[in-house]
Amino acid sequence: MTPGTGSTSSVPAPVLTPRLVPVPTRAVTPVPTDARSVRFEAWGEPGATIEITVSDSRHTRYVLPARRGPIAFDLALPTPGTPSDFFVVQVRAPANLGGASRGEVACRVLVGGVVVRSQQGHGSAVCQLSPYYDVRRR
């Protein structure tokens, strides 16, 4: 902007070309195999209400009351772990009164501060963890 003239520069903004980057198949930071708990985090658009359902391989189901995010909670890893153990966390953005406009939501799973899973979506996202394969056998 030239001082006192109110005009802007005619220099065009640089063009950025997105580039796909291969996603690593393993966590970049080593996952600690001696971890005793797992942290789940969930959030939605700023100010949005989210609903969270947690299920596990022992047929336990937790439904957290709808609330504004972000939300974080820790669950103990089963000991000893078996190949059939799992946790599933589903995050939903409830529809508004008109039945439309479900917002963006996201979740992630951390073990020892290392992100091992993450997902985002419009209206819902699901993050899963197999303690045996995702933590103990690394």
N, C-alpha and C. Protein backbone atom coordinates (compact mmCIF):
# COMPACT_ATOMS: atom_id res chain seq x y z
N MET A 1 0.84 -1.16 0.00
CA MET A 1 0.00 0.00 0.00
C MET A 1 0.90 1.23 0.00
N THR A 2 0.61 2.16 -0.87
CA THR A 2 1.39 3.38 -0.94
C THR A 2 0.85 4.35 0.10
N PRO A 3 1.73 4.90 0.97
CA PRO A 3 1.24 5.78 2.04
C PRO A 3 0.46 6.96 1.48
N GLY A 4 -0.71 7.21 2.07
CA GLY A 4 -1.52 8.36 1.72
C GLY A 4 -2.38 8.20 0.48
N THR A 5 -2.22 7.14 -0.31
CA THR A 5 -3.00 7.01 -1.54
C THR A 5 -4.16 6.05 -1.40
N GLY A 6 -4.09 5.11 -0.46
CA GLY A 6 -5.17 4.13 -0.29
C GLY A 6 -5.15 3.05 -1.36
N SER A 7 -4.16 3.02 -2.22
CA SER A 7 -4.11 2.00 -3.28
C SER A 7 -3.29 0.81 -2.81
N THR A 8 -3.50 -0.30 -3.44
CA THR A 8 -2.75 -1.50 -3.10
C THR A 8 -1.80 -1.83 -4.22
N SER A 9 -0.84 -2.66 -3.93
CA SER A 9 0.16 -3.07 -4.91
C SER A 9 -0.48 -3.98 -5.94
N SER A 10 0.01 -3.91 -7.16
CA SER A 10 -0.52 -4.77 -8.23
C SER A 10 0.30 -6.04 -8.41
N VAL A 11 1.21 -6.30 -7.48
CA VAL A 11 2.02 -7.51 -7.55
C VAL A 11 1.13 -8.69 -7.16
N PRO A 12 1.01 -9.71 -8.05
CA PRO A 12 0.14 -10.86 -7.73
C PRO A 12 0.73 -11.70 -6.60
N ALA A 13 -0.16 -12.32 -5.84
CA ALA A 13 0.26 -13.21 -4.76
C ALA A 13 0.91 -14.45 -5.37
N PRO A 14 1.89 -15.02 -4.67
CA PRO A 14 2.53 -16.23 -5.21
C PRO A 14 1.53 -17.37 -5.29
N VAL A 15 1.67 -18.21 -6.30
CA VAL A 15 0.80 -19.36 -6.49
C VAL A 15 1.41 -20.53 -5.74
N LEU A 16 0.62 -21.13 -4.86
CA LEU A 16 1.08 -22.30 -4.11
C LEU A 16 0.45 -23.54 -4.70
N THR A 17 1.27 -24.51 -5.02
CA THR A 17 0.77 -25.76 -5.56
C THR A 17 0.82 -26.82 -4.47
N PRO A 18 -0.33 -27.37 -4.06
CA PRO A 18 -0.30 -28.41 -3.03
C PRO A 18 0.44 -29.64 -3.54
N ARG A 19 1.13 -30.30 -2.62
CA ARG A 19 1.89 -31.48 -2.97
C ARG A 19 1.54 -32.58 -1.98
N LEU A 20 1.16 -33.74 -2.50
CA LEU A 20 0.87 -34.87 -1.63
C LEU A 20 2.15 -35.41 -1.04
N VAL A 21 2.11 -35.71 0.23
CA VAL A 21 3.27 -36.24 0.93
C VAL A 21 2.90 -37.63 1.43
N PRO A 22 3.77 -38.63 1.22
CA PRO A 22 3.42 -39.97 1.70
C PRO A 22 3.26 -39.99 3.21
N VAL A 23 2.24 -40.68 3.68
CA VAL A 23 1.98 -40.80 5.10
C VAL A 23 2.78 -41.97 5.64
N PRO A 24 3.51 -41.78 6.74
CA PRO A 24 4.28 -42.91 7.27
C PRO A 24 3.35 -44.01 7.77
N THR A 25 3.77 -45.25 7.61
CA THR A 25 2.95 -46.37 8.06
C THR A 25 3.15 -46.63 9.55
N ARG A 26 4.19 -46.09 10.13
CA ARG A 26 4.45 -46.21 11.56
C ARG A 26 4.58 -44.81 12.14
N ALA A 27 4.33 -44.68 13.41
CA ALA A 27 4.48 -43.38 14.05
C ALA A 27 5.91 -42.89 13.88
N VAL A 28 6.08 -41.60 13.65
CA VAL A 28 7.41 -41.02 13.45
C VAL A 28 8.22 -41.15 14.74
N THR A 29 7.60 -40.88 15.87
CA THR A 29 8.25 -41.05 17.17
C THR A 29 7.88 -42.44 17.67
N PRO A 30 8.83 -43.19 18.20
CA PRO A 30 8.50 -44.53 18.68
C PRO A 30 7.43 -44.52 19.76
N VAL A 31 6.48 -45.42 19.65
CA VAL A 31 5.41 -45.55 20.65
C VAL A 31 5.98 -46.34 21.83
N PRO A 32 5.85 -45.84 23.06
CA PRO A 32 6.38 -46.58 24.20
C PRO A 32 5.59 -47.86 24.44
N THR A 33 6.26 -49.00 24.39
CA THR A 33 5.58 -50.29 24.54
C THR A 33 5.23 -50.59 25.99
N ASP A 34 5.75 -49.81 26.94
CA ASP A 34 5.44 -50.05 28.34
C ASP A 34 4.33 -49.13 28.86
N ALA A 35 3.61 -48.47 27.97
CA ALA A 35 2.55 -47.55 28.37
C ALA A 35 1.45 -48.29 29.13
N ARG A 36 0.86 -47.59 30.11
CA ARG A 36 -0.21 -48.20 30.91
C ARG A 36 -1.58 -47.63 30.59
N SER A 37 -1.60 -46.50 29.88
CA SER A 37 -2.88 -45.89 29.53
C SER A 37 -2.81 -45.27 28.14
N VAL A 38 -3.98 -44.96 27.63
CA VAL A 38 -4.10 -44.35 26.31
C VAL A 38 -4.96 -43.10 26.48
N ARG A 39 -4.63 -42.03 25.77
CA ARG A 39 -5.40 -40.79 25.84
C ARG A 39 -6.18 -40.62 24.55
N PHE A 40 -7.46 -40.33 24.70
CA PHE A 40 -8.32 -40.03 23.57
C PHE A 40 -8.68 -38.55 23.64
N GLU A 41 -8.62 -37.88 22.52
CA GLU A 41 -8.98 -36.47 22.44
C GLU A 41 -10.03 -36.31 21.35
N ALA A 42 -11.00 -35.43 21.60
CA ALA A 42 -12.06 -35.19 20.63
C ALA A 42 -12.42 -33.72 20.65
N TRP A 43 -12.76 -33.18 19.49
CA TRP A 43 -13.17 -31.79 19.41
C TRP A 43 -14.00 -31.56 18.17
N GLY A 44 -14.69 -30.44 18.17
CA GLY A 44 -15.51 -30.03 17.03
C GLY A 44 -15.17 -28.60 16.68
N GLU A 45 -15.97 -28.03 15.80
CA GLU A 45 -15.77 -26.64 15.43
C GLU A 45 -15.90 -25.78 16.68
N PRO A 46 -15.25 -24.62 16.70
CA PRO A 46 -15.33 -23.77 17.89
C PRO A 46 -16.78 -23.51 18.32
N GLY A 47 -17.06 -23.79 19.59
CA GLY A 47 -18.39 -23.58 20.14
C GLY A 47 -19.38 -24.69 19.86
N ALA A 48 -19.00 -25.69 19.07
CA ALA A 48 -19.94 -26.77 18.70
C ALA A 48 -20.05 -27.79 19.83
N THR A 49 -21.21 -28.41 19.91
CA THR A 49 -21.45 -29.50 20.86
C THR A 49 -21.09 -30.80 20.17
N ILE A 50 -20.44 -31.70 20.93
CA ILE A 50 -20.09 -33.01 20.38
C ILE A 50 -20.60 -34.10 21.32
N GLU A 51 -20.87 -35.27 20.74
CA GLU A 51 -21.27 -36.45 21.50
C GLU A 51 -20.18 -37.49 21.32
N ILE A 52 -19.85 -38.22 22.38
CA ILE A 52 -18.77 -39.21 22.32
C ILE A 52 -19.27 -40.54 22.85
N THR A 53 -18.99 -41.60 22.09
CA THR A 53 -19.29 -42.97 22.51
C THR A 53 -17.99 -43.75 22.49
N VAL A 54 -17.72 -44.48 23.57
CA VAL A 54 -16.51 -45.30 23.69
C VAL A 54 -16.95 -46.75 23.86
N SER A 55 -16.38 -47.65 23.08
CA SER A 55 -16.65 -49.09 23.20
C SER A 55 -15.32 -49.81 23.33
N ASP A 56 -15.35 -50.99 23.94
CA ASP A 56 -14.14 -51.79 24.00
C ASP A 56 -14.45 -53.26 23.77
N SER A 57 -13.40 -54.06 23.72
CA SER A 57 -13.54 -55.48 23.42
C SER A 57 -14.22 -56.26 24.54
N ARG A 58 -14.34 -55.66 25.70
CA ARG A 58 -14.99 -56.35 26.83
C ARG A 58 -16.49 -56.01 26.88
N HIS A 59 -17.01 -55.50 25.77
CA HIS A 59 -18.42 -55.17 25.61
C HIS A 59 -18.87 -54.06 26.56
N THR A 60 -17.93 -53.21 26.93
CA THR A 60 -18.25 -52.05 27.75
C THR A 60 -18.51 -50.89 26.81
N ARG A 61 -19.55 -50.13 27.12
CA ARG A 61 -19.87 -48.98 26.28
C ARG A 61 -20.12 -47.79 27.19
N TYR A 62 -19.41 -46.72 26.91
CA TYR A 62 -19.57 -45.48 27.66
C TYR A 62 -20.13 -44.43 26.72
N VAL A 63 -21.13 -43.69 27.16
CA VAL A 63 -21.66 -42.58 26.38
C VAL A 63 -21.47 -41.33 27.22
N LEU A 64 -20.60 -40.45 26.77
CA LEU A 64 -20.38 -39.21 27.49
C LEU A 64 -21.47 -38.22 27.12
N PRO A 65 -21.96 -37.46 28.07
CA PRO A 65 -23.01 -36.48 27.77
C PRO A 65 -22.53 -35.47 26.72
N ALA A 66 -23.43 -35.02 25.88
CA ALA A 66 -23.08 -34.03 24.86
C ALA A 66 -22.56 -32.78 25.56
N ARG A 67 -21.46 -32.25 25.04
CA ARG A 67 -20.86 -31.05 25.61
C ARG A 67 -19.99 -30.37 24.57
N ARG A 68 -19.60 -29.19 24.89
CA ARG A 68 -18.71 -28.45 23.99
C ARG A 68 -17.29 -28.98 24.20
N GLY A 69 -16.57 -29.17 23.11
CA GLY A 69 -15.20 -29.68 23.18
C GLY A 69 -14.22 -28.56 23.39
N PRO A 70 -12.96 -28.83 23.40
CA PRO A 70 -12.36 -30.17 23.26
C PRO A 70 -12.48 -30.99 24.54
N ILE A 71 -12.42 -32.30 24.36
CA ILE A 71 -12.54 -33.23 25.47
C ILE A 71 -11.37 -34.21 25.38
N ALA A 72 -10.76 -34.51 26.52
CA ALA A 72 -9.68 -35.49 26.57
C ALA A 72 -9.94 -36.42 27.76
N PHE A 73 -9.66 -37.70 27.58
CA PHE A 73 -9.81 -38.65 28.67
C PHE A 73 -8.83 -39.79 28.48
N ASP A 74 -8.44 -40.40 29.60
CA ASP A 74 -7.49 -41.51 29.60
C ASP A 74 -8.20 -42.79 29.99
N LEU A 75 -7.80 -43.89 29.34
CA LEU A 75 -8.31 -45.22 29.68
C LEU A 75 -7.11 -46.13 29.92
N ALA A 76 -7.24 -47.02 30.87
CA ALA A 76 -6.17 -47.97 31.16
C ALA A 76 -6.07 -49.01 30.04
N LEU A 77 -4.86 -49.33 29.66
CA LEU A 77 -4.65 -50.40 28.68
C LEU A 77 -4.83 -51.74 29.39
N PRO A 78 -5.46 -52.70 28.73
CA PRO A 78 -5.64 -54.01 29.37
C PRO A 78 -4.30 -54.70 29.59
N THR A 79 -4.15 -55.33 30.75
CA THR A 79 -2.94 -56.10 31.04
C THR A 79 -3.36 -57.46 31.57
N PRO A 80 -2.86 -58.53 31.07
CA PRO A 80 -2.05 -58.55 29.85
C PRO A 80 -2.94 -58.33 28.63
N GLY A 81 -2.39 -57.76 27.61
CA GLY A 81 -3.15 -57.50 26.39
C GLY A 81 -3.23 -58.74 25.52
N THR A 82 -4.32 -58.83 24.78
CA THR A 82 -4.49 -59.93 23.83
C THR A 82 -4.73 -59.35 22.44
N PRO A 83 -4.55 -60.14 21.39
CA PRO A 83 -4.79 -59.63 20.04
C PRO A 83 -6.23 -59.19 19.79
N SER A 84 -7.17 -59.63 20.61
CA SER A 84 -8.57 -59.26 20.38
C SER A 84 -9.00 -57.99 21.14
N ASP A 85 -8.12 -57.38 21.93
CA ASP A 85 -8.45 -56.15 22.65
C ASP A 85 -8.56 -54.98 21.68
N PHE A 86 -9.53 -54.08 21.94
CA PHE A 86 -9.64 -52.86 21.13
C PHE A 86 -10.43 -51.80 21.88
N PHE A 87 -10.23 -50.56 21.47
CA PHE A 87 -11.03 -49.42 21.90
C PHE A 87 -11.51 -48.72 20.64
N VAL A 88 -12.75 -48.26 20.64
CA VAL A 88 -13.31 -47.49 19.53
C VAL A 88 -13.96 -46.25 20.13
N VAL A 89 -13.56 -45.09 19.63
CA VAL A 89 -14.15 -43.82 20.07
C VAL A 89 -14.82 -43.18 18.87
N GLN A 90 -16.12 -42.90 19.00
CA GLN A 90 -16.85 -42.23 17.94
C GLN A 90 -17.24 -40.85 18.43
N VAL A 91 -16.94 -39.84 17.61
CA VAL A 91 -17.28 -38.46 17.91
C VAL A 91 -18.32 -38.03 16.88
N ARG A 92 -19.42 -37.44 17.37
CA ARG A 92 -20.47 -36.98 16.47
C ARG A 92 -20.82 -35.54 16.78
N ALA A 93 -21.16 -34.83 15.73
CA ALA A 93 -21.73 -33.49 15.86
C ALA A 93 -23.22 -33.66 15.60
N PRO A 94 -24.05 -33.44 16.62
CA PRO A 94 -25.48 -33.63 16.41
C PRO A 94 -26.03 -32.63 15.39
N ALA A 95 -27.05 -33.06 14.67
CA ALA A 95 -27.70 -32.17 13.69
C ALA A 95 -28.44 -31.08 14.45
N ASN A 96 -28.58 -29.93 13.82
CA ASN A 96 -29.33 -28.84 14.46
C ASN A 96 -30.82 -29.14 14.40
N LEU A 97 -31.64 -28.24 14.92
CA LEU A 97 -33.09 -28.49 15.00
C LEU A 97 -33.72 -28.74 13.64
N GLY A 98 -33.19 -28.16 12.59
CA GLY A 98 -33.73 -28.38 11.26
C GLY A 98 -33.27 -29.69 10.64
N GLY A 99 -32.39 -30.41 11.33
CA GLY A 99 -31.91 -31.69 10.83
C GLY A 99 -30.75 -31.58 9.85
N ALA A 100 -30.18 -30.41 9.72
CA ALA A 100 -29.07 -30.24 8.78
C ALA A 100 -27.88 -29.62 9.52
N SER A 101 -26.86 -29.33 8.75
CA SER A 101 -25.69 -28.60 9.22
C SER A 101 -24.97 -29.28 10.37
N ARG A 102 -24.46 -30.48 10.13
CA ARG A 102 -23.61 -31.12 11.13
C ARG A 102 -22.20 -30.62 10.89
N GLY A 103 -21.53 -30.22 11.94
CA GLY A 103 -20.21 -29.59 11.82
C GLY A 103 -19.06 -30.57 11.69
N GLU A 104 -17.89 -30.01 11.56
CA GLU A 104 -16.67 -30.80 11.47
C GLU A 104 -16.27 -31.27 12.88
N VAL A 105 -15.79 -32.50 12.97
CA VAL A 105 -15.31 -33.06 14.23
C VAL A 105 -14.00 -33.79 13.97
N ALA A 106 -13.26 -34.06 15.04
CA ALA A 106 -12.00 -34.79 14.91
C ALA A 106 -11.72 -35.54 16.19
N CYS A 107 -10.89 -36.58 16.08
CA CYS A 107 -10.43 -37.31 17.25
C CYS A 107 -9.00 -37.77 16.99
N ARG A 108 -8.33 -38.07 18.09
CA ARG A 108 -7.00 -38.66 17.96
C ARG A 108 -6.71 -39.50 19.18
N VAL A 109 -5.78 -40.45 19.01
CA VAL A 109 -5.39 -41.39 20.05
C VAL A 109 -3.90 -41.19 20.30
N LEU A 110 -3.52 -41.01 21.57
CA LEU A 110 -2.13 -40.83 21.94
C LEU A 110 -1.71 -41.89 22.94
N VAL A 111 -0.51 -42.41 22.75
CA VAL A 111 0.08 -43.34 23.70
C VAL A 111 1.43 -42.76 24.08
N GLY A 112 1.61 -42.45 25.35
CA GLY A 112 2.86 -41.84 25.79
C GLY A 112 3.17 -40.54 25.07
N GLY A 113 2.13 -39.77 24.75
CA GLY A 113 2.32 -38.50 24.07
C GLY A 113 2.52 -38.61 22.57
N VAL A 114 2.51 -39.82 22.04
CA VAL A 114 2.72 -40.05 20.60
C VAL A 114 1.36 -40.31 19.95
N VAL A 115 1.04 -39.55 18.91
CA VAL A 115 -0.22 -39.75 18.19
C VAL A 115 -0.10 -41.01 17.34
N VAL A 116 -1.00 -41.98 17.62
CA VAL A 116 -0.98 -43.22 16.83
C VAL A 116 -2.16 -43.32 15.88
N ARG A 117 -3.21 -42.55 16.10
CA ARG A 117 -4.36 -42.53 15.20
C ARG A 117 -4.99 -41.15 15.25
N SER A 118 -5.56 -40.72 14.13
CA SER A 118 -6.35 -39.49 14.11
C SER A 118 -7.30 -39.55 12.93
N GLN A 119 -8.42 -38.88 13.08
CA GLN A 119 -9.39 -38.82 11.99
C GLN A 119 -10.23 -37.57 12.17
N GLN A 120 -10.67 -37.02 11.07
CA GLN A 120 -11.62 -35.91 11.11
C GLN A 120 -12.66 -36.16 10.06
N GLY A 121 -13.83 -35.55 10.25
CA GLY A 121 -14.89 -35.76 9.29
C GLY A 121 -16.02 -34.77 9.48
N HIS A 122 -16.92 -34.77 8.54
CA HIS A 122 -18.09 -33.90 8.61
C HIS A 122 -19.20 -34.67 9.29
N GLY A 123 -19.51 -34.30 10.51
CA GLY A 123 -20.57 -34.96 11.25
C GLY A 123 -20.10 -36.06 12.17
N SER A 124 -19.08 -36.84 11.78
CA SER A 124 -18.59 -37.89 12.66
C SER A 124 -17.15 -38.26 12.32
N ALA A 125 -16.49 -38.83 13.31
CA ALA A 125 -15.12 -39.33 13.15
C ALA A 125 -14.96 -40.50 14.10
N VAL A 126 -14.17 -41.49 13.71
CA VAL A 126 -13.96 -42.68 14.53
C VAL A 126 -12.47 -42.92 14.68
N CYS A 127 -12.01 -43.10 15.91
CA CYS A 127 -10.61 -43.44 16.18
C CYS A 127 -10.59 -44.77 16.92
N GLN A 128 -9.75 -45.68 16.44
CA GLN A 128 -9.66 -47.02 17.02
C GLN A 128 -8.24 -47.28 17.48
N LEU A 129 -8.11 -48.16 18.46
CA LEU A 129 -6.79 -48.57 18.93
C LEU A 129 -6.85 -50.05 19.30
N SER A 130 -5.86 -50.79 18.84
CA SER A 130 -5.66 -52.16 19.27
C SER A 130 -4.42 -52.14 20.15
N PRO A 131 -4.58 -52.22 21.48
CA PRO A 131 -3.41 -52.13 22.36
C PRO A 131 -2.33 -53.15 22.03
N TYR A 132 -2.73 -54.33 21.64
CA TYR A 132 -1.76 -55.38 21.35
C TYR A 132 -0.93 -55.04 20.12
N TYR A 133 -1.58 -54.70 19.03
CA TYR A 133 -0.86 -54.44 17.78
C TYR A 133 -0.30 -53.02 17.69
N ASP A 134 -1.04 -52.04 18.20
CA ASP A 134 -0.60 -50.65 18.07
C ASP A 134 0.38 -50.20 19.14
N VAL A 135 0.47 -50.93 20.25
CA VAL A 135 1.35 -50.52 21.33
C VAL A 135 2.35 -51.62 21.69
N ARG A 136 1.88 -52.75 22.16
CA ARG A 136 2.75 -53.79 22.72
C ARG A 136 3.70 -54.43 21.71
N ARG A 137 3.26 -54.62 20.48
CA ARG A 137 4.06 -55.35 19.50
C ARG A 137 4.96 -54.45 18.66
N ARG A 138 5.06 -53.19 18.92
CA ARG A 138 5.89 -52.28 18.09
C ARG A 138 7.34 -52.53 18.29
